[in-house]
């Protein structure tokens, strides 16, 4: 899952939500120098990533999409699942998604200064531009696919992910439903 999924599986704990997002930005094995909540967020982020990468239904879907999206099928699935989570948010959370996100955007972490400057800048841009708020739309899926594709260090077809999604929508939706049912049991 991408940003929204990681926020969702942080159990409404704003400090953990921020730390979970940081897990995608921290690359290394030793993070014991961070406060405990940030360590927990990095660990949770990695557990979620590992779970989705090894979920049988997701592995099957990745194989189905690999021909159209070589090297990036797994990344596309993360974006698709965030898109579907946003689209069907009311089935998974008691708060409207905009309110859930506004509460996160308005949160001020007591550990803010413990995060590196590039991550703080990313979070500031995320809050200012409200990127996640658009995830449930075709426009949002296109923009996130383009944005992530540009940040990858290799040539890729991630910008084609929205077209591939439309061609495989029923299969992707079924895989998402199965994954979410299992993941909620795993992380709730």
N, C-alpha and C. Protein backbone atom coordinates (compact mmCIF):
# COMPACT_ATOMS: atom_id res chain seq x y z
N UNK A 1 0.85 -1.17 0.00
CA UNK A 1 0.00 0.00 0.00
C UNK A 1 0.89 1.23 0.00
N UNK A 2 0.30 2.31 -0.42
CA UNK A 2 1.06 3.55 -0.47
C UNK A 2 0.70 4.39 0.75
N UNK A 3 0.68 5.68 0.66
CA UNK A 3 0.52 6.55 1.82
C UNK A 3 -0.78 6.32 2.60
N UNK A 4 -1.90 6.26 1.91
CA UNK A 4 -3.19 6.14 2.61
C UNK A 4 -3.28 4.83 3.38
N UNK A 5 -2.85 3.75 2.77
CA UNK A 5 -2.89 2.46 3.45
C UNK A 5 -2.04 2.45 4.71
N UNK A 6 -0.88 3.08 4.65
CA UNK A 6 -0.02 3.13 5.83
C UNK A 6 -0.65 3.99 6.92
N UNK A 7 -1.31 5.06 6.56
CA UNK A 7 -2.02 5.86 7.56
C UNK A 7 -3.15 5.04 8.18
N UNK A 8 -3.90 4.36 7.33
CA UNK A 8 -5.05 3.58 7.79
C UNK A 8 -4.63 2.51 8.80
N UNK A 9 -3.56 1.80 8.51
CA UNK A 9 -3.13 0.70 9.38
C UNK A 9 -2.32 1.17 10.59
N UNK A 10 -2.33 2.47 10.86
CA UNK A 10 -1.67 3.01 12.05
C UNK A 10 -2.67 3.18 13.20
N UNK A 11 -3.85 2.63 13.06
CA UNK A 11 -4.84 2.56 14.14
C UNK A 11 -5.21 3.92 14.74
N UNK A 12 -5.32 4.92 13.89
CA UNK A 12 -5.76 6.26 14.29
C UNK A 12 -4.81 6.96 15.26
N UNK A 13 -3.61 6.47 15.42
CA UNK A 13 -2.60 7.08 16.28
C UNK A 13 -1.78 8.04 15.42
N UNK A 14 -2.00 9.33 15.58
CA UNK A 14 -1.38 10.34 14.70
C UNK A 14 0.15 10.27 14.74
N UNK A 15 0.71 10.08 15.93
CA UNK A 15 2.17 10.01 16.04
C UNK A 15 2.69 8.79 15.28
N UNK A 16 1.97 7.67 15.39
CA UNK A 16 2.35 6.46 14.67
C UNK A 16 2.14 6.63 13.17
N UNK A 17 1.11 7.36 12.78
CA UNK A 17 0.85 7.60 11.35
C UNK A 17 2.06 8.29 10.71
N UNK A 18 2.54 9.32 11.37
CA UNK A 18 3.68 10.07 10.85
C UNK A 18 4.92 9.17 10.81
N UNK A 19 5.16 8.44 11.88
CA UNK A 19 6.31 7.56 11.94
C UNK A 19 6.22 6.44 10.90
N UNK A 20 5.02 5.97 10.64
CA UNK A 20 4.80 4.93 9.63
C UNK A 20 5.17 5.47 8.25
N UNK A 21 4.77 6.68 7.94
CA UNK A 21 5.15 7.27 6.65
C UNK A 21 6.67 7.43 6.56
N UNK A 22 7.29 7.76 7.67
CA UNK A 22 8.75 7.90 7.68
C UNK A 22 9.43 6.59 7.33
N UNK A 23 8.78 5.47 7.62
CA UNK A 23 9.34 4.17 7.31
C UNK A 23 9.70 3.99 5.85
N UNK A 24 9.03 4.70 4.97
CA UNK A 24 9.33 4.62 3.54
C UNK A 24 10.54 5.47 3.17
N UNK A 25 10.89 6.40 4.04
CA UNK A 25 12.00 7.32 3.77
C UNK A 25 13.30 6.91 4.45
N UNK A 26 13.18 6.06 5.46
CA UNK A 26 14.38 5.63 6.19
C UNK A 26 14.88 4.32 5.61
N UNK A 27 16.11 4.33 5.14
CA UNK A 27 16.72 3.13 4.56
C UNK A 27 17.92 2.75 5.41
N UNK A 28 17.77 1.71 6.12
CA UNK A 28 18.85 1.24 6.97
C UNK A 28 18.30 0.25 7.97
N UNK A 29 19.22 -0.41 8.65
CA UNK A 29 18.81 -1.43 9.62
C UNK A 29 18.84 -0.93 11.04
N UNK A 30 19.68 0.04 11.30
CA UNK A 30 19.80 0.51 12.67
C UNK A 30 19.05 1.83 12.82
N UNK A 31 17.93 1.76 13.47
CA UNK A 31 17.17 2.98 13.74
C UNK A 31 16.91 3.13 15.24
N UNK A 32 17.78 2.54 16.03
CA UNK A 32 17.64 2.58 17.49
C UNK A 32 17.89 3.98 18.06
N UNK A 33 18.47 4.87 17.28
CA UNK A 33 18.74 6.23 17.76
C UNK A 33 17.49 7.11 17.73
N UNK A 34 16.43 6.64 17.08
CA UNK A 34 15.18 7.40 17.04
C UNK A 34 14.35 7.11 18.30
N UNK A 35 13.45 8.03 18.66
CA UNK A 35 12.51 7.75 19.76
C UNK A 35 11.69 6.49 19.46
N UNK A 36 11.20 5.85 20.50
CA UNK A 36 10.50 4.56 20.38
C UNK A 36 9.34 4.61 19.39
N UNK A 37 8.57 5.68 19.37
CA UNK A 37 7.41 5.74 18.47
C UNK A 37 7.86 5.76 17.01
N UNK A 38 8.97 6.41 16.72
CA UNK A 38 9.49 6.42 15.35
C UNK A 38 10.01 5.03 14.99
N UNK A 39 10.69 4.38 15.93
CA UNK A 39 11.13 3.01 15.70
C UNK A 39 9.92 2.11 15.39
N UNK A 40 8.86 2.29 16.17
CA UNK A 40 7.65 1.48 15.96
C UNK A 40 7.04 1.76 14.58
N UNK A 41 7.04 3.01 14.16
CA UNK A 41 6.50 3.38 12.85
C UNK A 41 7.30 2.76 11.71
N UNK A 42 8.62 2.77 11.82
CA UNK A 42 9.47 2.17 10.80
C UNK A 42 9.19 0.67 10.73
N UNK A 43 9.11 0.04 11.90
CA UNK A 43 8.84 -1.40 11.96
C UNK A 43 7.47 -1.72 11.36
N UNK A 44 6.46 -0.95 11.73
CA UNK A 44 5.11 -1.18 11.20
C UNK A 44 5.08 -1.01 9.69
N UNK A 45 5.74 0.02 9.20
CA UNK A 45 5.79 0.26 7.76
C UNK A 45 6.37 -0.96 7.05
N UNK A 46 7.44 -1.47 7.57
CA UNK A 46 8.10 -2.63 6.96
C UNK A 46 7.25 -3.89 7.07
N UNK A 47 6.53 -4.03 8.17
CA UNK A 47 5.63 -5.18 8.32
C UNK A 47 4.51 -5.13 7.29
N UNK A 48 3.94 -3.95 7.09
CA UNK A 48 2.86 -3.79 6.10
C UNK A 48 3.40 -4.09 4.70
N UNK A 49 4.54 -3.53 4.37
CA UNK A 49 5.14 -3.78 3.05
C UNK A 49 5.43 -5.26 2.84
N UNK A 50 5.97 -5.90 3.85
CA UNK A 50 6.27 -7.33 3.76
C UNK A 50 4.98 -8.13 3.58
N UNK A 51 3.95 -7.76 4.33
CA UNK A 51 2.68 -8.48 4.27
C UNK A 51 2.06 -8.40 2.87
N UNK A 52 2.01 -7.21 2.31
CA UNK A 52 1.41 -7.07 0.98
C UNK A 52 2.28 -7.77 -0.08
N UNK A 53 3.59 -7.66 0.05
CA UNK A 53 4.48 -8.29 -0.94
C UNK A 53 4.39 -9.82 -0.93
N UNK A 54 4.01 -10.40 0.21
CA UNK A 54 3.98 -11.85 0.34
C UNK A 54 2.56 -12.43 0.41
N UNK A 55 1.56 -11.58 0.29
CA UNK A 55 0.18 -12.05 0.31
C UNK A 55 -0.08 -12.81 -0.99
N UNK A 56 -0.61 -14.02 -0.91
CA UNK A 56 -0.78 -14.88 -2.09
C UNK A 56 -1.61 -14.22 -3.19
N UNK A 57 -2.71 -13.59 -2.83
CA UNK A 57 -3.56 -12.94 -3.83
C UNK A 57 -2.82 -11.81 -4.52
N UNK A 58 -2.04 -11.07 -3.77
CA UNK A 58 -1.27 -9.95 -4.34
C UNK A 58 -0.16 -10.49 -5.24
N UNK A 59 0.48 -11.56 -4.84
CA UNK A 59 1.53 -12.16 -5.68
C UNK A 59 0.95 -12.62 -7.02
N UNK A 60 -0.23 -13.22 -6.98
CA UNK A 60 -0.89 -13.65 -8.22
C UNK A 60 -1.22 -12.45 -9.10
N UNK A 61 -1.73 -11.39 -8.48
CA UNK A 61 -2.08 -10.18 -9.23
C UNK A 61 -0.83 -9.56 -9.84
N UNK A 62 0.25 -9.53 -9.09
CA UNK A 62 1.51 -8.95 -9.59
C UNK A 62 1.97 -9.71 -10.84
N UNK A 63 1.85 -11.03 -10.82
CA UNK A 63 2.21 -11.82 -12.00
C UNK A 63 1.31 -11.50 -13.19
N UNK A 64 0.02 -11.30 -12.94
CA UNK A 64 -0.91 -10.98 -14.02
C UNK A 64 -0.59 -9.63 -14.65
N UNK A 65 -0.14 -8.69 -13.84
CA UNK A 65 0.10 -7.33 -14.33
C UNK A 65 1.52 -7.10 -14.84
N UNK A 66 2.39 -8.06 -14.59
CA UNK A 66 3.81 -7.87 -14.91
C UNK A 66 4.06 -7.60 -16.40
N UNK A 67 3.33 -8.27 -17.27
CA UNK A 67 3.54 -8.09 -18.71
C UNK A 67 3.30 -6.62 -19.10
N UNK A 68 2.25 -6.03 -18.58
CA UNK A 68 1.92 -4.64 -18.92
C UNK A 68 2.76 -3.63 -18.14
N UNK A 69 3.20 -4.03 -16.94
CA UNK A 69 3.94 -3.10 -16.08
C UNK A 69 5.21 -3.78 -15.55
N UNK A 70 6.14 -4.12 -16.45
CA UNK A 70 7.35 -4.80 -16.00
C UNK A 70 8.12 -3.97 -14.97
N UNK A 71 8.63 -4.64 -13.97
CA UNK A 71 9.42 -4.06 -12.88
C UNK A 71 8.60 -3.23 -11.90
N UNK A 72 7.43 -2.75 -12.30
CA UNK A 72 6.68 -1.84 -11.42
C UNK A 72 5.26 -2.34 -11.09
N UNK A 73 4.97 -3.60 -11.41
CA UNK A 73 3.62 -4.12 -11.12
C UNK A 73 3.31 -4.02 -9.63
N UNK A 74 4.29 -4.34 -8.78
CA UNK A 74 4.08 -4.26 -7.34
C UNK A 74 3.81 -2.83 -6.87
N UNK A 75 4.53 -1.88 -7.43
CA UNK A 75 4.32 -0.47 -7.08
C UNK A 75 2.94 -0.03 -7.55
N UNK A 76 2.56 -0.46 -8.75
CA UNK A 76 1.23 -0.11 -9.26
C UNK A 76 0.14 -0.66 -8.35
N UNK A 77 0.33 -1.89 -7.85
CA UNK A 77 -0.66 -2.48 -6.94
C UNK A 77 -0.78 -1.64 -5.68
N UNK A 78 0.33 -1.15 -5.14
CA UNK A 78 0.27 -0.26 -3.98
C UNK A 78 -0.60 0.95 -4.28
N UNK A 79 -0.41 1.53 -5.46
CA UNK A 79 -1.19 2.71 -5.84
C UNK A 79 -2.65 2.35 -6.09
N UNK A 80 -2.90 1.21 -6.73
CA UNK A 80 -4.28 0.76 -6.96
C UNK A 80 -5.01 0.55 -5.63
N UNK A 81 -4.32 -0.08 -4.69
CA UNK A 81 -4.97 -0.37 -3.42
C UNK A 81 -5.25 0.91 -2.64
N UNK A 82 -4.38 1.90 -2.71
CA UNK A 82 -4.68 3.19 -2.09
C UNK A 82 -5.86 3.85 -2.79
N UNK A 83 -5.90 3.76 -4.11
CA UNK A 83 -7.02 4.31 -4.88
C UNK A 83 -8.34 3.66 -4.43
N UNK A 84 -8.33 2.34 -4.33
CA UNK A 84 -9.55 1.62 -3.94
C UNK A 84 -9.91 1.86 -2.48
N UNK A 85 -8.92 1.98 -1.61
CA UNK A 85 -9.19 2.30 -0.21
C UNK A 85 -9.86 3.67 -0.13
N UNK A 86 -9.35 4.63 -0.87
CA UNK A 86 -9.96 5.97 -0.88
C UNK A 86 -11.37 5.93 -1.47
N UNK A 87 -11.53 5.20 -2.55
CA UNK A 87 -12.82 5.11 -3.23
C UNK A 87 -13.88 4.46 -2.33
N UNK A 88 -13.47 3.52 -1.51
CA UNK A 88 -14.40 2.77 -0.64
C UNK A 88 -14.15 3.04 0.84
N UNK A 89 -13.62 4.21 1.13
CA UNK A 89 -13.20 4.56 2.48
C UNK A 89 -14.29 4.32 3.52
N UNK A 90 -15.51 4.69 3.23
CA UNK A 90 -16.58 4.58 4.22
C UNK A 90 -16.87 3.13 4.61
N UNK A 91 -16.42 2.19 3.82
CA UNK A 91 -16.58 0.78 4.18
C UNK A 91 -15.52 0.32 5.18
N UNK A 92 -14.48 1.13 5.37
CA UNK A 92 -13.37 0.72 6.21
C UNK A 92 -13.13 1.60 7.42
N UNK A 93 -13.65 2.82 7.41
CA UNK A 93 -13.37 3.73 8.52
C UNK A 93 -14.63 4.51 8.89
N UNK A 94 -14.76 4.79 10.18
CA UNK A 94 -15.96 5.49 10.66
C UNK A 94 -15.96 6.99 10.34
N UNK A 95 -14.80 7.59 10.15
CA UNK A 95 -14.74 9.01 9.81
C UNK A 95 -14.74 9.18 8.30
N UNK A 96 -15.32 10.25 7.78
CA UNK A 96 -15.14 10.56 6.36
C UNK A 96 -13.64 10.76 6.08
N UNK A 97 -13.19 10.36 4.91
CA UNK A 97 -11.77 10.41 4.60
C UNK A 97 -11.20 11.82 4.71
N UNK A 98 -11.92 12.83 4.23
CA UNK A 98 -11.41 14.20 4.31
C UNK A 98 -11.18 14.62 5.76
N UNK A 99 -12.09 14.23 6.65
CA UNK A 99 -11.93 14.57 8.07
C UNK A 99 -10.75 13.80 8.67
N UNK A 100 -10.64 12.52 8.35
CA UNK A 100 -9.51 11.70 8.80
C UNK A 100 -8.19 12.35 8.38
N UNK A 101 -8.11 12.76 7.12
CA UNK A 101 -6.87 13.38 6.62
C UNK A 101 -6.65 14.76 7.23
N UNK A 102 -7.71 15.55 7.37
CA UNK A 102 -7.55 16.87 7.99
C UNK A 102 -7.01 16.75 9.41
N UNK A 103 -7.47 15.75 10.14
CA UNK A 103 -6.96 15.54 11.49
C UNK A 103 -5.47 15.19 11.46
N UNK A 104 -5.08 14.38 10.49
CA UNK A 104 -3.66 14.05 10.35
C UNK A 104 -2.86 15.29 9.93
N UNK A 105 -3.37 16.03 8.95
CA UNK A 105 -2.67 17.23 8.48
C UNK A 105 -2.50 18.26 9.59
N UNK A 106 -3.47 18.34 10.48
CA UNK A 106 -3.43 19.32 11.56
C UNK A 106 -2.62 18.89 12.77
N UNK A 107 -2.14 17.66 12.75
CA UNK A 107 -1.40 17.12 13.89
C UNK A 107 0.02 17.68 13.94
N UNK A 108 0.47 18.03 15.12
CA UNK A 108 1.83 18.54 15.32
C UNK A 108 2.58 17.56 16.23
N UNK A 109 3.53 16.87 15.67
CA UNK A 109 4.27 15.84 16.39
C UNK A 109 5.22 16.43 17.42
N UNK A 110 5.25 15.81 18.57
CA UNK A 110 6.23 16.24 19.58
C UNK A 110 7.64 15.78 19.21
N UNK A 111 7.74 14.90 18.20
CA UNK A 111 9.03 14.40 17.75
C UNK A 111 9.45 15.00 16.41
N UNK A 112 8.80 16.07 15.99
CA UNK A 112 9.03 16.66 14.67
C UNK A 112 10.51 16.89 14.39
N UNK A 113 11.23 17.42 15.35
CA UNK A 113 12.64 17.74 15.15
C UNK A 113 13.53 16.50 15.06
N UNK A 114 13.00 15.35 15.44
CA UNK A 114 13.77 14.10 15.35
C UNK A 114 13.80 13.55 13.93
N UNK A 115 12.90 14.04 13.08
CA UNK A 115 12.86 13.58 11.69
C UNK A 115 13.84 14.40 10.85
N UNK A 116 14.44 13.78 9.83
CA UNK A 116 15.34 14.54 8.95
C UNK A 116 14.59 15.61 8.15
N UNK A 117 15.33 16.61 7.74
CA UNK A 117 14.75 17.75 7.03
C UNK A 117 14.03 17.38 5.74
N UNK A 118 14.56 16.43 4.97
CA UNK A 118 13.92 16.07 3.71
C UNK A 118 12.55 15.42 3.95
N UNK A 119 12.43 14.65 5.03
CA UNK A 119 11.14 14.04 5.36
C UNK A 119 10.16 15.12 5.84
N UNK A 120 10.64 16.05 6.66
CA UNK A 120 9.75 17.13 7.13
C UNK A 120 9.25 17.96 5.95
N UNK A 121 10.12 18.20 4.98
CA UNK A 121 9.71 18.93 3.77
C UNK A 121 8.66 18.14 3.00
N UNK A 122 8.86 16.84 2.86
CA UNK A 122 7.89 15.97 2.19
C UNK A 122 6.52 16.07 2.89
N UNK A 123 6.52 15.98 4.20
CA UNK A 123 5.25 16.03 4.95
C UNK A 123 4.60 17.41 4.80
N UNK A 124 5.40 18.46 4.84
CA UNK A 124 4.85 19.81 4.63
C UNK A 124 4.19 19.92 3.25
N UNK A 125 4.84 19.38 2.22
CA UNK A 125 4.26 19.42 0.87
C UNK A 125 3.01 18.55 0.78
N UNK A 126 3.06 17.38 1.43
CA UNK A 126 1.91 16.49 1.46
C UNK A 126 0.70 17.19 2.07
N UNK A 127 0.91 17.88 3.17
CA UNK A 127 -0.18 18.58 3.85
C UNK A 127 -0.68 19.77 3.02
N UNK A 128 0.25 20.54 2.48
CA UNK A 128 -0.12 21.72 1.71
C UNK A 128 -0.89 21.36 0.44
N UNK A 129 -0.42 20.35 -0.27
CA UNK A 129 -1.02 19.97 -1.55
C UNK A 129 -2.15 18.95 -1.43
N UNK A 130 -2.28 18.36 -0.25
CA UNK A 130 -3.34 17.37 0.02
C UNK A 130 -3.41 16.29 -1.07
N UNK A 131 -2.25 15.74 -1.39
CA UNK A 131 -2.17 14.73 -2.44
C UNK A 131 -3.10 13.55 -2.17
N UNK A 132 -3.13 13.09 -0.94
CA UNK A 132 -3.90 11.88 -0.61
C UNK A 132 -5.39 12.08 -0.83
N UNK A 133 -5.86 13.30 -0.67
CA UNK A 133 -7.29 13.58 -0.83
C UNK A 133 -7.80 13.23 -2.23
N UNK A 134 -6.90 13.16 -3.20
CA UNK A 134 -7.30 12.88 -4.58
C UNK A 134 -7.15 11.41 -4.97
N UNK A 135 -6.68 10.58 -4.05
CA UNK A 135 -6.39 9.19 -4.38
C UNK A 135 -7.59 8.42 -4.93
N UNK A 136 -8.79 8.76 -4.51
CA UNK A 136 -9.98 8.03 -4.93
C UNK A 136 -10.48 8.38 -6.31
N UNK A 137 -9.82 9.31 -6.98
CA UNK A 137 -10.26 9.75 -8.31
C UNK A 137 -9.31 9.22 -9.39
N UNK A 138 -9.77 9.19 -10.61
CA UNK A 138 -8.92 8.81 -11.74
C UNK A 138 -7.75 9.79 -11.85
N UNK A 139 -8.03 11.07 -11.65
CA UNK A 139 -6.98 12.09 -11.67
C UNK A 139 -5.92 11.78 -10.62
N UNK A 140 -6.35 11.44 -9.42
CA UNK A 140 -5.41 11.14 -8.34
C UNK A 140 -4.55 9.93 -8.64
N UNK A 141 -5.16 8.90 -9.22
CA UNK A 141 -4.41 7.71 -9.59
C UNK A 141 -3.38 8.05 -10.67
N UNK A 142 -3.77 8.87 -11.63
CA UNK A 142 -2.84 9.28 -12.69
C UNK A 142 -1.68 10.09 -12.13
N UNK A 143 -2.00 11.07 -11.29
CA UNK A 143 -0.95 11.93 -10.73
C UNK A 143 0.01 11.14 -9.84
N UNK A 144 -0.51 10.23 -9.02
CA UNK A 144 0.37 9.46 -8.15
C UNK A 144 1.24 8.51 -8.98
N UNK A 145 0.67 7.92 -10.02
CA UNK A 145 1.44 7.03 -10.89
C UNK A 145 2.57 7.79 -11.59
N UNK A 146 2.25 8.95 -12.10
CA UNK A 146 3.28 9.77 -12.76
C UNK A 146 4.35 10.21 -11.77
N UNK A 147 3.92 10.68 -10.61
CA UNK A 147 4.86 11.19 -9.61
C UNK A 147 5.81 10.12 -9.10
N UNK A 148 5.27 8.96 -8.75
CA UNK A 148 6.13 7.87 -8.26
C UNK A 148 7.03 7.38 -9.39
N UNK A 149 6.49 7.26 -10.59
CA UNK A 149 7.29 6.81 -11.74
C UNK A 149 8.48 7.71 -12.00
N UNK A 150 8.32 9.00 -11.85
CA UNK A 150 9.42 9.95 -12.07
C UNK A 150 10.49 9.84 -11.00
N UNK A 151 10.10 9.43 -9.79
CA UNK A 151 11.08 9.33 -8.71
C UNK A 151 11.88 8.03 -8.75
N UNK A 152 11.45 7.08 -9.55
CA UNK A 152 12.19 5.82 -9.65
C UNK A 152 13.50 6.04 -10.41
N UNK A 153 14.50 5.27 -10.05
CA UNK A 153 15.84 5.47 -10.64
C UNK A 153 16.02 4.75 -11.97
N UNK A 154 14.98 4.11 -12.47
CA UNK A 154 15.08 3.37 -13.72
C UNK A 154 13.90 3.70 -14.63
N UNK A 155 14.10 3.51 -15.91
CA UNK A 155 13.03 3.74 -16.88
C UNK A 155 11.90 2.76 -16.58
N UNK A 156 10.66 3.27 -16.62
CA UNK A 156 9.53 2.43 -16.23
C UNK A 156 8.25 2.87 -16.93
N UNK A 157 7.23 2.04 -16.79
CA UNK A 157 5.93 2.30 -17.42
C UNK A 157 4.85 2.62 -16.38
N UNK A 158 5.24 3.13 -15.23
CA UNK A 158 4.26 3.38 -14.17
C UNK A 158 3.21 4.40 -14.59
N UNK A 159 3.55 5.31 -15.49
CA UNK A 159 2.57 6.29 -15.96
C UNK A 159 1.41 5.61 -16.70
N UNK A 160 1.62 4.37 -17.14
CA UNK A 160 0.56 3.62 -17.82
C UNK A 160 -0.34 2.86 -16.85
N UNK A 161 -0.04 2.94 -15.57
CA UNK A 161 -0.79 2.18 -14.56
C UNK A 161 -2.29 2.48 -14.58
N UNK A 162 -2.74 3.72 -14.77
CA UNK A 162 -4.18 3.95 -14.81
C UNK A 162 -4.89 3.21 -15.95
N UNK A 163 -4.26 3.13 -17.11
CA UNK A 163 -4.84 2.41 -18.25
C UNK A 163 -4.89 0.92 -17.95
N UNK A 164 -3.83 0.39 -17.36
CA UNK A 164 -3.79 -1.02 -16.98
C UNK A 164 -4.86 -1.30 -15.93
N UNK A 165 -5.04 -0.36 -15.03
CA UNK A 165 -6.08 -0.51 -14.00
C UNK A 165 -7.46 -0.68 -14.65
N UNK A 166 -7.78 0.19 -15.59
CA UNK A 166 -9.10 0.12 -16.23
C UNK A 166 -9.30 -1.19 -16.98
N UNK A 167 -8.24 -1.72 -17.55
CA UNK A 167 -8.32 -2.99 -18.29
C UNK A 167 -8.46 -4.19 -17.37
N UNK A 168 -8.08 -4.04 -16.11
CA UNK A 168 -8.06 -5.16 -15.16
C UNK A 168 -8.83 -4.84 -13.88
N UNK A 169 -9.76 -3.92 -13.97
CA UNK A 169 -10.42 -3.37 -12.79
C UNK A 169 -11.07 -4.44 -11.91
N UNK A 170 -11.82 -5.35 -12.49
CA UNK A 170 -12.53 -6.37 -11.69
C UNK A 170 -11.55 -7.25 -10.93
N UNK A 171 -10.48 -7.68 -11.58
CA UNK A 171 -9.49 -8.54 -10.93
C UNK A 171 -8.78 -7.79 -9.81
N UNK A 172 -8.44 -6.53 -10.05
CA UNK A 172 -7.75 -5.71 -9.05
C UNK A 172 -8.67 -5.46 -7.86
N UNK A 173 -9.93 -5.16 -8.12
CA UNK A 173 -10.88 -4.92 -7.04
C UNK A 173 -11.07 -6.17 -6.18
N UNK A 174 -11.16 -7.33 -6.82
CA UNK A 174 -11.30 -8.58 -6.07
C UNK A 174 -10.06 -8.84 -5.19
N UNK A 175 -8.89 -8.62 -5.76
CA UNK A 175 -7.66 -8.82 -5.00
C UNK A 175 -7.59 -7.85 -3.82
N UNK A 176 -8.00 -6.61 -4.04
CA UNK A 176 -8.02 -5.62 -2.97
C UNK A 176 -8.95 -6.06 -1.85
N UNK A 177 -10.14 -6.51 -2.18
CA UNK A 177 -11.10 -6.95 -1.16
C UNK A 177 -10.55 -8.09 -0.32
N UNK A 178 -9.93 -9.06 -0.98
CA UNK A 178 -9.34 -10.20 -0.27
C UNK A 178 -8.19 -9.73 0.62
N UNK A 179 -7.33 -8.90 0.06
CA UNK A 179 -6.19 -8.39 0.83
C UNK A 179 -6.67 -7.62 2.06
N UNK A 180 -7.62 -6.71 1.89
CA UNK A 180 -8.06 -5.89 3.01
C UNK A 180 -8.68 -6.74 4.12
N UNK A 181 -9.44 -7.71 3.75
CA UNK A 181 -10.06 -8.59 4.76
C UNK A 181 -8.97 -9.25 5.59
N UNK A 182 -7.94 -9.74 4.94
CA UNK A 182 -6.84 -10.40 5.63
C UNK A 182 -5.98 -9.41 6.41
N UNK A 183 -5.68 -8.27 5.79
CA UNK A 183 -4.80 -7.29 6.43
C UNK A 183 -5.44 -6.66 7.67
N UNK A 184 -6.74 -6.45 7.63
CA UNK A 184 -7.43 -5.90 8.80
C UNK A 184 -7.28 -6.86 9.97
N UNK A 185 -7.41 -8.14 9.73
CA UNK A 185 -7.21 -9.13 10.79
C UNK A 185 -5.76 -9.11 11.27
N UNK A 186 -4.83 -8.92 10.37
CA UNK A 186 -3.41 -8.94 10.71
C UNK A 186 -2.99 -7.70 11.51
N UNK A 187 -3.50 -6.53 11.16
CA UNK A 187 -2.98 -5.28 11.73
C UNK A 187 -3.94 -4.54 12.65
N UNK A 188 -5.08 -5.10 12.91
CA UNK A 188 -6.04 -4.41 13.81
C UNK A 188 -5.93 -4.95 15.23
